[in-house]
PDB file of N, CA and C in Angstrom:
ATOM      1  N   MET A   1      21.546  56.054 -29.256  1.00  0.00           N
ATOM      2  CA  MET A   1      19.902  55.739 -28.281  1.00  0.00           C
ATOM      3  C   MET A   1      19.408  54.881 -28.942  1.00  0.00           C
ATOM      4  N   LEU A   2      19.400  54.464 -29.917  1.00  0.00           N
ATOM      5  CA  LEU A   2      18.382  53.276 -30.387  1.00  0.00           C
ATOM      6  C   LEU A   2      18.976  51.937 -30.086  1.00  0.00           C
ATOM      7  N   LYS A   3      20.341  52.072 -30.135  1.00  0.00           N
ATOM      8  CA  LYS A   3      21.074  50.798 -29.921  1.00  0.00           C
ATOM      9  C   LYS A   3      20.749  50.538 -28.193  1.00  0.00           C
ATOM     10  N   LEU A   4      20.921  51.410 -27.448  1.00  0.00           N
ATOM     11  CA  LEU A   4      20.588  51.193 -25.956  1.00  0.00           C
ATOM     12  C   LEU A   4      19.202  51.147 -25.629  1.00  0.00           C
ATOM     13  N   ILE A   5      18.557  51.318 -26.135  1.00  0.00           N
ATOM     14  CA  ILE A   5      17.070  50.920 -26.053  1.00  0.00           C
ATOM     15  C   ILE A   5      16.872  49.483 -26.398  1.00  0.00           C
ATOM     16  N   ASN A   6      17.218  49.160 -27.521  1.00  0.00           N
ATOM     17  CA  ASN A   6      17.269  47.487 -28.068  1.00  0.00           C
ATOM     18  C   ASN A   6      17.755  46.857 -26.969  1.00  0.00           C
ATOM     19  N   THR A   7      19.195  47.317 -26.472  1.00  0.00           N
ATOM     20  CA  THR A   7      19.958  46.413 -25.510  1.00  0.00           C
ATOM     21  C   THR A   7      18.735  46.096 -24.122  1.00  0.00           C
ATOM     22  N   LYS A   8      18.252  47.296 -23.712  1.00  0.00           N
ATOM     23  CA  LYS A   8      17.621  47.273 -22.698  1.00  0.00           C
ATOM     24  C   LYS A   8      16.352  46.032 -22.705  1.00  0.00           C
ATOM     25  N   ILE A   9      15.671  46.138 -24.164  1.00  0.00           N
ATOM     26  CA  ILE A   9      14.523  45.206 -24.355  1.00  0.00           C
ATOM     27  C   ILE A   9      14.736  43.626 -24.398  1.00  0.00           C
ATOM     28  N   LEU A  10      16.136  43.920 -25.099  1.00  0.00           N
ATOM     29  CA  LEU A  10      16.604  42.469 -25.018  1.00  0.00           C
ATOM     30  C   LEU A  10      16.958  41.730 -23.686  1.00  0.00           C
ATOM     31  N   LEU A  11      17.620  42.864 -22.951  1.00  0.00           N
ATOM     32  CA  LEU A  11      17.768  42.283 -21.592  1.00  0.00           C
ATOM     33  C   LEU A  11      16.490  41.899 -20.791  1.00  0.00           C
ATOM     34  N   ALA A  12      15.503  42.779 -20.996  1.00  0.00           N
ATOM     35  CA  ALA A  12      14.109  42.558 -20.538  1.00  0.00           C
ATOM     36  C   ALA A  12      13.513  41.067 -20.831  1.00  0.00           C
ATOM     37  N   ILE A  13      13.690  41.029 -22.356  1.00  0.00           N
ATOM     38  CA  ILE A  13      13.452  39.737 -22.853  1.00  0.00           C
ATOM     39  C   ILE A  13      14.044  38.453 -22.226  1.00  0.00           C
ATOM     40  N   LEU A  14      15.355  38.687 -22.333  1.00  0.00           N
ATOM     41  CA  LEU A  14      16.285  37.726 -21.294  1.00  0.00           C
ATOM     42  C   LEU A  14      15.845  37.335 -20.024  1.00  0.00           C
ATOM     43  N   ALA A  15      15.501  38.372 -19.342  1.00  0.00           N
ATOM     44  CA  ALA A  15      14.867  38.320 -17.849  1.00  0.00           C
ATOM     45  C   ALA A  15      13.750  37.477 -17.842  1.00  0.00           C
ATOM     46  N   ALA A  16      12.808  37.658 -18.656  1.00  0.00           N
ATOM     47  CA  ALA A  16      11.475  37.406 -18.855  1.00  0.00           C
ATOM     48  C   ALA A  16      11.510  35.638 -19.218  1.00  0.00           C
ATOM     49  N   LEU A  17      12.368  35.711 -20.261  1.00  0.00           N
ATOM     50  CA  LEU A  17      12.673  34.096 -20.545  1.00  0.00           C
ATOM     51  C   LEU A  17      13.402  33.379 -19.204  1.00  0.00           C
ATOM     52  N   THR A  18      14.380  33.937 -18.612  1.00  0.00           N
ATOM     53  CA  THR A  18      14.713  33.237 -17.449  1.00  0.00           C
ATOM     54  C   THR A  18      13.792  32.876 -16.384  1.00  0.00           C
ATOM     55  N   ALA A  19      12.908  33.925 -16.172  1.00  0.00           N
ATOM     56  CA  ALA A  19      12.090  33.637 -15.034  1.00  0.00           C
ATOM     57  C   ALA A  19      10.963  32.620 -15.681  1.00  0.00           C
ATOM     58  N   ILE A  20      10.770  32.534 -16.771  1.00  0.00           N
ATOM     59  CA  ILE A  20       9.698  31.339 -17.260  1.00  0.00           C
ATOM     60  C   ILE A  20      10.408  30.233 -17.400  1.00  0.00           C
ATOM     61  N   GLY A  21      11.775  29.999 -17.872  1.00  0.00           N
ATOM     62  CA  GLY A  21      12.455  29.017 -17.553  1.00  0.00           C
ATOM     63  C   GLY A  21      12.617  28.449 -16.223  1.00  0.00           C
ATOM     64  N   GLY A  22      12.813  29.376 -15.233  1.00  0.00           N
ATOM     65  CA  GLY A  22      12.880  28.729 -13.749  1.00  0.00           C
ATOM     66  C   GLY A  22      11.575  28.358 -13.320  1.00  0.00           C
ATOM     67  N   ALA A  23      10.381  29.017 -13.914  1.00  0.00           N
ATOM     68  CA  ALA A  23       9.236  28.542 -13.233  1.00  0.00           C
ATOM     69  C   ALA A  23       8.696  27.099 -13.886  1.00  0.00           C
ATOM     70  N   VAL A  24       9.250  26.757 -15.047  1.00  0.00           N
ATOM     71  CA  VAL A  24       8.935  25.455 -15.469  1.00  0.00           C
ATOM     72  C   VAL A  24       9.701  24.543 -14.821  1.00  0.00           C
ATOM     73  N   ALA A  25      11.044  24.832 -14.784  1.00  0.00           N
ATOM     74  CA  ALA A  25      11.894  24.115 -13.781  1.00  0.00           C
ATOM     75  C   ALA A  25      11.257  23.576 -12.617  1.00  0.00           C
ATOM     76  N   TYR A  26      10.708  24.812 -11.865  1.00  0.00           N
ATOM     77  CA  TYR A  26       9.943  24.224 -10.548  1.00  0.00           C
ATOM     78  C   TYR A  26       8.787  23.494 -10.759  1.00  0.00           C
ATOM     79  N   GLN A  27       8.119  23.894 -11.613  1.00  0.00           N
ATOM     80  CA  GLN A  27       6.907  22.924 -12.103  1.00  0.00           C
ATOM     81  C   GLN A  27       6.968  21.631 -12.388  1.00  0.00           C
ATOM     82  N   ARG A  28       8.135  21.311 -13.087  1.00  0.00           N
ATOM     83  CA  ARG A  28       8.890  19.924 -13.137  1.00  0.00           C
ATOM     84  C   ARG A  28       9.101  19.309 -11.930  1.00  0.00           C
ATOM     85  N   HIS A  29       9.730  20.070 -11.177  1.00  0.00           N
ATOM     86  CA  HIS A  29      10.526  19.465  -9.985  1.00  0.00           C
ATOM     87  C   HIS A  29       9.142  19.051  -9.058  1.00  0.00           C
ATOM     88  N   GLU A  30       8.111  19.977  -8.941  1.00  0.00           N
ATOM     89  CA  GLU A  30       7.142  19.632  -8.081  1.00  0.00           C
ATOM     90  C   GLU A  30       6.104  18.532  -8.801  1.00  0.00           C
ATOM     91  N   THR A  31       6.184  18.554 -10.128  1.00  0.00           N
ATOM     92  CA  THR A  31       5.325  17.172 -10.477  1.00  0.00           C
ATOM     93  C   THR A  31       6.075  16.109 -10.145  1.00  0.00           C
ATOM     94  N   GLU A  32       7.468  15.954 -10.555  1.00  0.00           N
ATOM     95  CA  GLU A  32       8.150  14.801 -10.166  1.00  0.00           C
ATOM     96  C   GLU A  32       8.044  14.310  -8.522  1.00  0.00           C
ATOM     97  N   LYS A  33       8.201  15.502  -7.866  1.00  0.00           N
ATOM     98  CA  LYS A  33       7.628  15.256  -6.369  1.00  0.00           C
ATOM     99  C   LYS A  33       6.325  14.346  -5.811  1.00  0.00           C
ATOM    100  N   ALA A  34       5.417  15.323  -6.451  1.00  0.00           N
ATOM    101  CA  ALA A  34       3.943  14.479  -6.378  1.00  0.00           C
ATOM    102  C   ALA A  34       3.794  13.233  -7.148  1.00  0.00           C
ATOM    103  N   ALA A  35       4.459  13.071  -7.918  1.00  0.00           N
ATOM    104  CA  ALA A  35       4.585  11.595  -8.836  1.00  0.00           C
ATOM    105  C   ALA A  35       5.184  10.564  -7.716  1.00  0.00           C
ATOM    106  N   ALA A  36       6.252  10.947  -7.084  1.00  0.00           N
ATOM    107  CA  ALA A  36       7.147   9.963  -6.384  1.00  0.00           C
ATOM    108  C   ALA A  36       6.198   9.662  -5.084  1.00  0.00           C
ATOM    109  N   ALA A  37       5.524  10.926  -4.748  1.00  0.00           N
ATOM    110  CA  ALA A  37       4.777  10.553  -3.175  1.00  0.00           C
ATOM    111  C   ALA A  37       3.442   9.667  -3.828  1.00  0.00           C
ATOM    112  N   ALA A  38       2.715  10.292  -4.809  1.00  0.00           N
ATOM    113  CA  ALA A  38       1.732   8.950  -5.318  1.00  0.00           C
ATOM    114  C   ALA A  38       2.448   7.476  -5.457  1.00  0.00           C
ATOM    115  N   ALA A  39       3.393   7.531  -6.268  1.00  0.00           N
ATOM    116  CA  ALA A  39       3.939   5.844  -6.232  1.00  0.00           C
ATOM    117  C   ALA A  39       4.198   5.506  -4.669  1.00  0.00           C
ATOM    118  N   LYS A  40       4.880   6.148  -4.109  1.00  0.00           N
ATOM    119  CA  LYS A  40       5.156   5.567  -2.507  1.00  0.00           C
ATOM    120  C   LYS A  40       3.849   5.242  -1.987  1.00  0.00           C
ATOM    121  N   ALA A  41       2.691   6.023  -1.929  1.00  0.00           N
ATOM    122  CA  ALA A  41       1.643   5.760  -1.430  1.00  0.00           C
ATOM    123  C   ALA A  41       0.546   4.672  -2.043  1.00  0.00           C
ATOM    124  N   ALA A  42       0.886   4.128  -3.466  1.00  0.00           N
ATOM    125  CA  ALA A  42       0.307   3.165  -3.877  1.00  0.00           C
ATOM    126  C   ALA A  42       1.089   2.035  -3.453  1.00  0.00           C
ATOM    127  N   ALA A  43       2.482   1.971  -3.101  1.00  0.00           N
ATOM    128  CA  ALA A  43       3.345   0.906  -2.880  1.00  0.00           C
ATOM    129  C   ALA A  43       2.752   0.489  -1.334  1.00  0.00           C
ATOM    130  N   PHE A  44       2.489   1.644  -0.597  1.00  0.00           N
ATOM    131  CA  PHE A  44       2.263   1.430   0.726  1.00  0.00           C
ATOM    132  C   PHE A  44       0.824   0.652   0.678  1.00  0.00           C
ATOM    133  N   LEU A  45      -0.232   1.325  -0.137  1.00  0.00           N
ATOM    134  CA  LEU A  45      -1.645   0.587  -0.131  1.00  0.00           C
ATOM    135  C   LEU A  45      -1.400  -0.664  -0.270  1.00  0.00           C
ATOM    136  N   GLU A  46      -0.541  -0.883  -1.403  1.00  0.00           N
ATOM    137  CA  GLU A  46      -0.674  -2.407  -1.889  1.00  0.00           C
ATOM    138  C   GLU A  46      -0.191  -3.355  -0.803  1.00  0.00           C
ATOM    139  N   GLN A  47       1.131  -2.923  -0.186  1.00  0.00           N
ATOM    140  CA  GLN A  47       1.941  -3.843   1.100  1.00  0.00           C
ATOM    141  C   GLN A  47       0.632  -3.873   2.165  1.00  0.00           C
ATOM    142  N   GLN A  48      -0.108  -2.946   2.298  1.00  0.00           N
ATOM    143  CA  GLN A  48      -1.324  -3.218   3.253  1.00  0.00           C
ATOM    144  C   GLN A  48      -2.106  -3.969   2.740  1.00  0.00           C
ATOM    145  N   GLN A  49      -2.781  -4.315   1.575  1.00  0.00           N
ATOM    146  CA  GLN A  49      -3.511  -5.275   1.112  1.00  0.00           C
ATOM    147  C   GLN A  49      -3.039  -6.450   1.209  1.00  0.00           C
ATOM    148  N   ARG A  50      -1.679  -6.634   0.911  1.00  0.00           N
ATOM    149  CA  ARG A  50      -1.270  -7.919   0.702  1.00  0.00           C
ATOM    150  C   ARG A  50      -0.980  -8.436   2.413  1.00  0.00           C
ATOM    151  N   ASP A  51      -0.628  -7.344   3.237  1.00  0.00           N
ATOM    152  CA  ASP A  51      -0.804  -7.990   4.547  1.00  0.00           C
ATOM    153  C   ASP A  51      -1.828  -8.394   5.228  1.00  0.00           C
ATOM    154  N   ALA A  52      -3.082  -7.633   4.783  1.00  0.00           N
ATOM    155  CA  ALA A  52      -4.499  -8.049   5.313  1.00  0.00           C
ATOM    156  C   ALA A  52      -4.808  -9.047   4.538  1.00  0.00           C
ATOM    157  N   GLU A  53      -4.399  -9.464   3.536  1.00  0.00           N
ATOM    158  CA  GLU A  53      -4.593 -10.727   2.638  1.00  0.00           C
ATOM    159  C   GLU A  53      -4.188 -11.979   3.400  1.00  0.00           C
ATOM    160  N   GLU A  54      -2.812 -11.792   3.767  1.00  0.00           N
ATOM    161  CA  GLU A  54      -1.944 -12.737   4.683  1.00  0.00           C
ATOM    162  C   GLU A  54      -2.744 -13.005   6.065  1.00  0.00           C
ATOM    163  N   GLN A  55      -3.194 -12.141   6.618  1.00  0.00           N
ATOM    164  CA  GLN A  55      -3.969 -12.002   7.985  1.00  0.00           C
ATOM    165  C   GLN A  55      -5.184 -12.770   7.750  1.00  0.00           C
ATOM    166  N   ARG A  56      -5.935 -12.509   6.722  1.00  0.00           N
ATOM    167  CA  ARG A  56      -7.150 -13.199   6.299  1.00  0.00           C
ATOM    168  C   ARG A  56      -6.772 -14.686   6.269  1.00  0.00           C
ATOM    169  N   LYS A  57      -5.790 -15.027   5.647  1.00  0.00           N
ATOM    170  CA  LYS A  57      -5.585 -16.309   5.182  1.00  0.00           C
ATOM    171  C   LYS A  57      -5.051 -17.234   6.566  1.00  0.00           C
ATOM    172  N   ARG A  58      -4.752 -16.539   7.142  1.00  0.00           N
ATOM    173  CA  ARG A  58      -3.786 -17.092   8.780  1.00  0.00           C
ATOM    174  C   ARG A  58      -5.087 -17.293   9.713  1.00  0.00           C
ATOM    175  N   ASP A  59      -5.764 -16.019   9.599  1.00  0.00           N
ATOM    176  CA  ASP A  59      -7.431 -16.246  10.422  1.00  0.00           C
ATOM    177  C   ASP A  59      -8.053 -17.501   9.912  1.00  0.00           C
ATOM    178  N   GLU A  60      -8.129 -17.684   8.608  1.00  0.00           N
ATOM    179  CA  GLU A  60      -9.020 -18.553   7.986  1.00  0.00           C
ATOM    180  C   GLU A  60      -8.456 -20.017   8.430  1.00  0.00           C
ATOM    181  N   ALA A  61      -7.267 -20.328   8.096  1.00  0.00           N
ATOM    182  CA  ALA A  61      -6.480 -21.236   8.506  1.00  0.00           C
ATOM    183  C   ALA A  61      -6.805 -21.667  10.358  1.00  0.00           C
ATOM    184  N   PHE A  62      -6.644 -20.597  10.877  1.00  0.00           N
ATOM    185  CA  PHE A  62      -6.698 -21.067  12.467  1.00  0.00           C
ATOM    186  C   PHE A  62      -8.030 -21.544  12.846  1.00  0.00           C
ATOM    187  N   ARG A  63      -9.264 -20.811  12.046  1.00  0.00           N
ATOM    188  CA  ARG A  63     -10.395 -21.243  12.198  1.00  0.00           C
ATOM    189  C   ARG A  63     -10.648 -22.364  11.855  1.00  0.00           C
ATOM    190  N   GLN A  64     -10.342 -22.772  10.685  1.00  0.00           N
ATOM    191  CA  GLN A  64     -10.104 -24.348  10.420  1.00  0.00           C
ATOM    192  C   GLN A  64      -9.707 -25.281  11.205  1.00  0.00           C
ATOM    193  N   GLN A  65      -8.534 -24.966  12.022  1.00  0.00           N
ATOM    194  CA  GLN A  65      -7.765 -25.713  12.974  1.00  0.00           C
ATOM    195  C   GLN A  65      -8.661 -25.774  14.081  1.00  0.00           C
ATOM    196  N   VAL A  66      -9.339 -24.825  14.533  1.00  0.00           N
ATOM    197  CA  VAL A  66      -9.980 -24.541  15.770  1.00  0.00           C
ATOM    198  C   VAL A  66     -11.467 -25.788  15.412  1.00  0.00           C
ATOM    199  N   GLU A  67     -12.000 -25.764  14.221  1.00  0.00           N
ATOM    200  CA  GLU A  67     -13.034 -26.497  14.048  1.00  0.00           C
ATOM    201  C   GLU A  67     -12.775 -27.812  13.878  1.00  0.00           C
ATOM    202  N   GLN A  68     -11.800 -28.115  13.396  1.00  0.00           N
ATOM    203  CA  GLN A  68     -11.241 -29.448  13.435  1.00  0.00           C
ATOM    204  C   GLN A  68     -10.680 -30.096  14.825  1.00  0.00           C
ATOM    205  N   ASN A  69     -10.436 -29.187  15.629  1.00  0.00           N
ATOM    206  CA  ASN A  69     -10.074 -29.754  16.922  1.00  0.00           C
ATOM    207  C   ASN A  69     -11.408 -29.909  17.498  1.00  0.00           C
ATOM    208  N   LYS A  70     -12.225 -29.009  17.374  1.00  0.00           N
ATOM    209  CA  LYS A  70     -13.704 -29.139  17.900  1.00  0.00           C
ATOM    210  C   LYS A  70     -14.285 -30.486  17.523  1.00  0.00           C
ATOM    211  N   GLN A  71     -14.306 -30.793  16.254  1.00  0.00           N
ATOM    212  CA  GLN A  71     -14.964 -31.954  15.771  1.00  0.00           C
ATOM    213  C   GLN A  71     -14.235 -33.053  16.571  1.00  0.00           C
ATOM    214  N   ARG A  72     -12.626 -33.133  16.493  1.00  0.00           N
ATOM    215  CA  ARG A  72     -12.042 -34.158  17.104  1.00  0.00           C
ATOM    216  C   ARG A  72     -12.537 -34.473  18.610  1.00  0.00           C
ATOM    217  N   HIS A  73     -12.483 -33.405  19.294  1.00  0.00           N
ATOM    218  CA  HIS A  73     -12.735 -33.497  20.722  1.00  0.00           C
ATOM    219  C   HIS A  73     -14.059 -33.872  21.097  1.00  0.00           C
ATOM    220  N   ASN A  74     -15.009 -33.347  20.290  1.00  0.00           N
ATOM    221  CA  ASN A  74     -16.523 -33.591  20.395  1.00  0.00           C
ATOM    222  C   ASN A  74     -16.831 -34.928  19.994  1.00  0.00           C
ATOM    223  N   SER A  75     -16.124 -35.689  19.072  1.00  0.00           N
ATOM    224  CA  SER A  75     -16.569 -37.040  18.550  1.00  0.00           C
ATOM    225  C   SER A  75     -15.896 -38.008  19.654  1.00  0.00           C
ATOM    226  N   ALA A  76     -14.963 -37.564  20.217  1.00  0.00           N
ATOM    227  CA  ALA A  76     -14.307 -38.415  21.210  1.00  0.00           C
ATOM    228  C   ALA A  76     -15.264 -38.255  22.554  1.00  0.00           C
ATOM    229  N   ALA A  77     -15.743 -37.396  22.769  1.00  0.00           N
ATOM    230  CA  ALA A  77     -16.622 -37.252  24.082  1.00  0.00           C
ATOM    231  C   ALA A  77     -18.026 -37.731  23.712  1.00  0.00           C
ATOM    232  N   ALA A  78     -18.310 -37.876  22.593  1.00  0.00           N
ATOM    233  CA  ALA A  78     -19.879 -38.397  22.109  1.00  0.00           C
ATOM    234  C   ALA A  78     -19.716 -39.855  22.075  1.00  0.00           C
ATOM    235  N   LYS A  79     -18.587 -40.680  21.906  1.00  0.00           N
ATOM    236  CA  LYS A  79     -18.411 -41.865  21.889  1.00  0.00           C
ATOM    237  C   LYS A  79     -17.890 -42.712  23.058  1.00  0.00           C
ATOM    238  N   GLU A  80     -17.827 -41.671  24.402  1.00  0.00           N
ATOM    239  CA  GLU A  80     -17.179 -42.080  25.170  1.00  0.00           C
ATOM    240  C   GLU A  80     -18.139 -43.142  26.173  1.00  0.00           C
ATOM    241  N   GLY A  81     -19.196 -42.483  26.133  1.00  0.00           N
ATOM    242  CA  GLY A  81     -20.234 -43.139  26.882  1.00  0.00           C
ATOM    243  C   GLY A  81     -20.488 -44.459  26.128  1.00  0.00           C
ATOM    244  N   LYS A  82     -20.553 -44.500  25.061  1.00  0.00           N
ATOM    245  CA  LYS A  82     -20.692 -46.173  24.443  1.00  0.00           C
ATOM    246  C   LYS A  82     -19.716 -47.082  24.958  1.00  0.00           C
ATOM    247  N   THR A  83     -18.418 -46.723  24.903  1.00  0.00           N
ATOM    248  CA  THR A  83     -17.469 -47.564  25.306  1.00  0.00           C
ATOM    249  C   THR A  83     -17.369 -48.014  26.546  1.00  0.00           C
ATOM    250  N   TRP A  84     -18.107 -47.436  27.586  1.00  0.00           N
ATOM    251  CA  TRP A  84     -18.122 -48.054  28.753  1.00  0.00           C
ATOM    252  C   TRP A  84     -19.337 -48.613  29.122  1.00  0.00           C
ATOM    253  N   LYS A  85     -20.017 -48.715  28.400  1.00  0.00           N
ATOM    254  CA  LYS A  85     -21.214 -49.363  28.163  1.00  0.00           C
ATOM    255  C   LYS A  85     -20.996 -50.934  27.831  1.00  0.00           C
ATOM    256  N   THR A  86     -20.171 -51.270  26.776  1.00  0.00           N
ATOM    257  CA  THR A  86     -19.994 -52.142  26.138  1.00  0.00           C
ATOM    258  C   THR A  86     -18.683 -53.175  26.774  1.00  0.00           C
ATOM    259  N   TYR A  87     -17.970 -52.355  27.886  1.00  0.00           N
ATOM    260  CA  TYR A  87     -16.640 -52.864  28.336  1.00  0.00           C
ATOM    261  C   TYR A  87     -17.282 -53.996  29.298  1.00  0.00           C
ATOM    262  N   LEU A  88     -16.720 -55.072  29.317  1.00  0.00           N
ATOM    263  CA  LEU A  88     -16.571 -56.127  30.151  1.00  0.00           C
ATOM    264  C   LEU A  88     -15.307 -56.582  30.737  1.00  0.00           C
ATOM    265  N   PRO A  89     -15.530 -56.582  31.978  1.00  0.00           N
ATOM    266  CA  PRO A  89     -13.965 -56.945  32.664  1.00  0.00           C
ATOM    267  C   PRO A  89     -14.044 -58.378  32.676  1.00  0.00           C
TER     268      PRO A  89
END
């Protein structure tokens, strides 16, 4: 009788340890999934930041090119009147 009770207690302890082990494994799996999702989100944000920085550089280069073109075209237009005044055929 005592041996049967000890066997049942051992089986209950084994079942409890199995449940705890399953919970620990599940928790570890969920933690790994969360870490992978966080790493993916961080990589995505870094890529967005790099893209935004590249776009800012392209915009700045375009603005500078527009300013240079403006200055070049404006300077030619400003000197045009002077060239006709000094022209002698």
